[in-house]
Amino acid sequence: MSRVVRTLFVSIFLMAISIPSVSAEPGRIRELLQYPKSWTRKAKRKMKRTLKELDSAYRQWLTEDVTYIISPDERNAFLQLDTNEEREQFIEQFWLRRSSNPDLPENDFKEEHYRRIAYANEHYASGIPGWKDRSRPHVHHVGPGG
């Protein structure tokens, strides 16, 4: 094994054990929500309730698909949406903001993100999906092609 490959494996391993994984299970909602300090208890409760009541596809998108790349402000904005149509528009805009060329029909960032999740699930899983476990740095887009 070449020195570069060995160094890469050691680096990924060290990053993986140093970063605690965030589980997207419903019992860990508090970790998924990051509220501005000025929010009232009522607003915080509404956000938690909204997350629990989301359709499963939207909950999965928020708590699994983009959990490592969505900003706290974007997460909170998504949870404040009232209709599925608004959520669909938000998701479309979310990916467009990250695309290197929004004018193209394919979204390179989105494709790469889901490719990394698939790779992580295939290569890093140990009883739970790989994106939740040791591969967070890989899925988190640590750099170009990284």
Protein backbone atom coordinates (compact mmCIF):
# COMPACT_ATOMS: atom_id res chain seq x y z
CA MET A 1 0.00 0.00 0.00
CA SER A 2 1.45 3.35 -0.97
CA ARG A 3 2.32 5.93 1.64
CA VAL A 4 -0.28 8.37 0.27
CA VAL A 5 -3.08 5.82 0.48
CA ARG A 6 -2.02 4.78 3.99
CA THR A 7 -1.91 8.42 5.09
CA LEU A 8 -5.34 9.02 3.60
CA PHE A 9 -6.82 6.05 5.45
CA VAL A 10 -5.27 7.11 8.74
CA SER A 11 -6.52 10.68 8.27
CA ILE A 12 -10.07 9.56 7.51
CA PHE A 13 -10.02 7.17 10.46
CA LEU A 14 -8.80 9.87 12.86
CA MET A 15 -11.41 12.34 11.62
CA ALA A 16 -14.15 9.73 11.89
CA ILE A 17 -13.40 8.84 15.49
CA SER A 18 -12.96 12.46 16.52
CA ILE A 19 -16.32 13.66 15.15
CA PRO A 20 -19.34 12.33 17.01
CA SER A 21 -21.99 11.11 14.62
CA VAL A 22 -25.40 12.72 14.76
CA SER A 23 -28.21 10.24 14.71
CA ALA A 24 -31.33 11.31 12.89
CA GLU A 25 -33.66 9.27 15.08
CA PRO A 26 -36.78 11.11 16.25
CA GLY A 27 -35.63 10.89 19.90
CA ARG A 28 -32.71 13.18 19.07
CA ILE A 29 -34.73 16.07 17.70
CA ARG A 30 -33.09 18.56 20.04
CA GLU A 31 -29.71 17.94 18.41
CA LEU A 32 -31.16 18.51 14.96
CA LEU A 33 -32.73 21.84 15.84
CA GLN A 34 -30.59 24.84 16.61
CA TYR A 35 -32.68 27.76 17.71
CA PRO A 36 -31.74 31.42 17.86
CA LYS A 37 -31.48 32.44 21.52
CA SER A 38 -34.26 34.98 21.08
CA TRP A 39 -36.89 32.33 20.29
CA THR A 40 -39.65 31.73 22.79
CA ARG A 41 -40.47 28.35 24.25
CA LYS A 42 -43.66 28.32 22.24
CA ALA A 43 -41.73 28.77 18.97
CA LYS A 44 -39.29 26.00 19.93
CA ARG A 45 -42.14 23.61 20.77
CA LYS A 46 -43.81 24.40 17.45
CA MET A 47 -40.61 23.55 15.56
CA LYS A 48 -40.23 20.22 17.39
CA ARG A 49 -43.87 19.38 16.71
CA THR A 50 -43.48 20.32 13.05
CA LEU A 51 -40.49 18.00 12.67
CA LYS A 52 -42.42 15.13 14.21
CA GLU A 53 -45.44 15.80 11.97
CA LEU A 54 -43.57 16.12 8.67
CA ASP A 55 -44.34 13.58 5.96
CA SER A 56 -41.72 10.84 6.13
CA ALA A 57 -40.09 11.87 2.84
CA TYR A 58 -39.50 15.43 4.07
CA ARG A 59 -38.37 14.24 7.50
CA GLN A 60 -35.90 11.87 5.83
CA TRP A 61 -34.62 14.63 3.56
CA LEU A 62 -34.05 16.91 6.53
CA THR A 63 -32.73 14.43 9.09
CA GLU A 64 -30.80 12.06 6.85
CA ASP A 65 -30.15 13.31 3.32
CA VAL A 66 -28.94 16.83 4.14
CA THR A 67 -28.36 16.70 7.88
CA TYR A 68 -24.63 17.42 7.55
CA ILE A 69 -24.84 20.15 4.91
CA ILE A 70 -27.92 22.20 5.78
CA SER A 71 -27.34 25.33 7.84
CA PRO A 72 -29.27 25.91 11.08
CA ASP A 73 -31.04 28.88 9.47
CA GLU A 74 -32.07 26.78 6.47
CA ARG A 75 -33.28 23.96 8.74
CA ASN A 76 -35.39 26.36 10.78
CA ALA A 77 -36.78 28.03 7.65
CA PHE A 78 -37.73 24.62 6.24
CA LEU A 79 -39.55 23.71 9.45
CA GLN A 80 -41.56 26.92 9.30
CA LEU A 81 -43.05 26.08 5.90
CA ASP A 82 -46.74 25.23 5.93
CA THR A 83 -47.38 23.23 2.77
CA ASN A 84 -45.67 20.44 0.87
CA GLU A 85 -45.59 22.69 -2.21
CA GLU A 86 -43.53 25.23 -0.24
CA ARG A 87 -41.25 22.42 0.96
CA GLU A 88 -40.73 21.19 -2.61
CA GLN A 89 -39.83 24.72 -3.71
CA PHE A 90 -37.45 25.06 -0.76
CA ILE A 91 -35.70 21.77 -1.62
CA GLU A 92 -35.34 22.81 -5.25
CA GLN A 93 -33.83 26.16 -4.21
CA PHE A 94 -31.61 24.45 -1.62
CA TRP A 95 -29.92 22.39 -4.35
CA LEU A 96 -29.82 25.28 -6.83
CA ARG A 97 -27.94 27.46 -4.32
CA ARG A 98 -25.25 24.79 -4.09
CA SER A 99 -24.95 23.98 -7.78
CA SER A 100 -21.82 25.19 -9.54
CA ASN A 101 -23.97 25.97 -12.59
CA PRO A 102 -27.66 26.54 -11.76
CA ASP A 103 -28.46 26.98 -15.47
CA LEU A 104 -27.83 23.31 -16.22
CA PRO A 105 -30.64 20.78 -15.69
CA GLU A 106 -28.28 18.45 -13.77
CA ASN A 107 -27.14 19.58 -10.36
CA ASP A 108 -23.52 18.51 -9.87
CA PHE A 109 -23.54 19.19 -6.13
CA LYS A 110 -26.70 17.19 -5.53
CA GLU A 111 -25.45 14.26 -7.63
CA GLU A 112 -22.10 14.26 -5.82
CA HIS A 113 -23.78 14.46 -2.42
CA TYR A 114 -26.00 11.44 -3.07
CA ARG A 115 -23.08 9.59 -4.66
CA ARG A 116 -21.10 10.10 -1.44
CA ILE A 117 -24.00 8.86 0.70
CA ALA A 118 -24.31 5.74 -1.47
CA TYR A 119 -20.56 5.16 -1.28
CA ALA A 120 -20.58 5.62 2.50
CA ASN A 121 -23.47 3.21 2.93
CA GLU A 122 -21.72 0.64 0.78
CA HIS A 123 -18.22 0.95 2.24
CA TYR A 124 -18.57 2.19 5.81
CA ALA A 125 -21.75 0.63 7.16
CA SER A 126 -21.39 -1.46 10.30
CA GLY A 127 -24.94 -2.40 11.19
CA ILE A 128 -26.25 1.13 10.61
CA PRO A 129 -26.15 3.18 7.41
CA GLY A 130 -22.61 4.32 6.67
CA TRP A 131 -23.52 8.00 6.43
CA LYS A 132 -24.45 7.93 10.14
CA ASP A 133 -21.32 6.18 11.22
CA ARG A 134 -17.65 6.48 10.34
CA SER A 135 -17.98 8.28 7.03
CA ARG A 136 -19.31 11.65 8.11
CA PRO A 137 -16.20 13.45 6.80
CA HIS A 138 -16.65 11.72 3.44
CA VAL A 139 -20.31 12.68 3.13
CA HIS A 140 -19.75 16.16 4.55
CA HIS A 141 -17.88 17.34 1.43
CA VAL A 142 -14.51 17.97 3.03
CA GLY A 143 -13.19 19.25 -0.27
CA PRO A 144 -13.28 18.89 -4.03
CA GLY A 145 -13.26 15.20 -4.91
CA GLY A 146 -12.48 14.46 -1.26
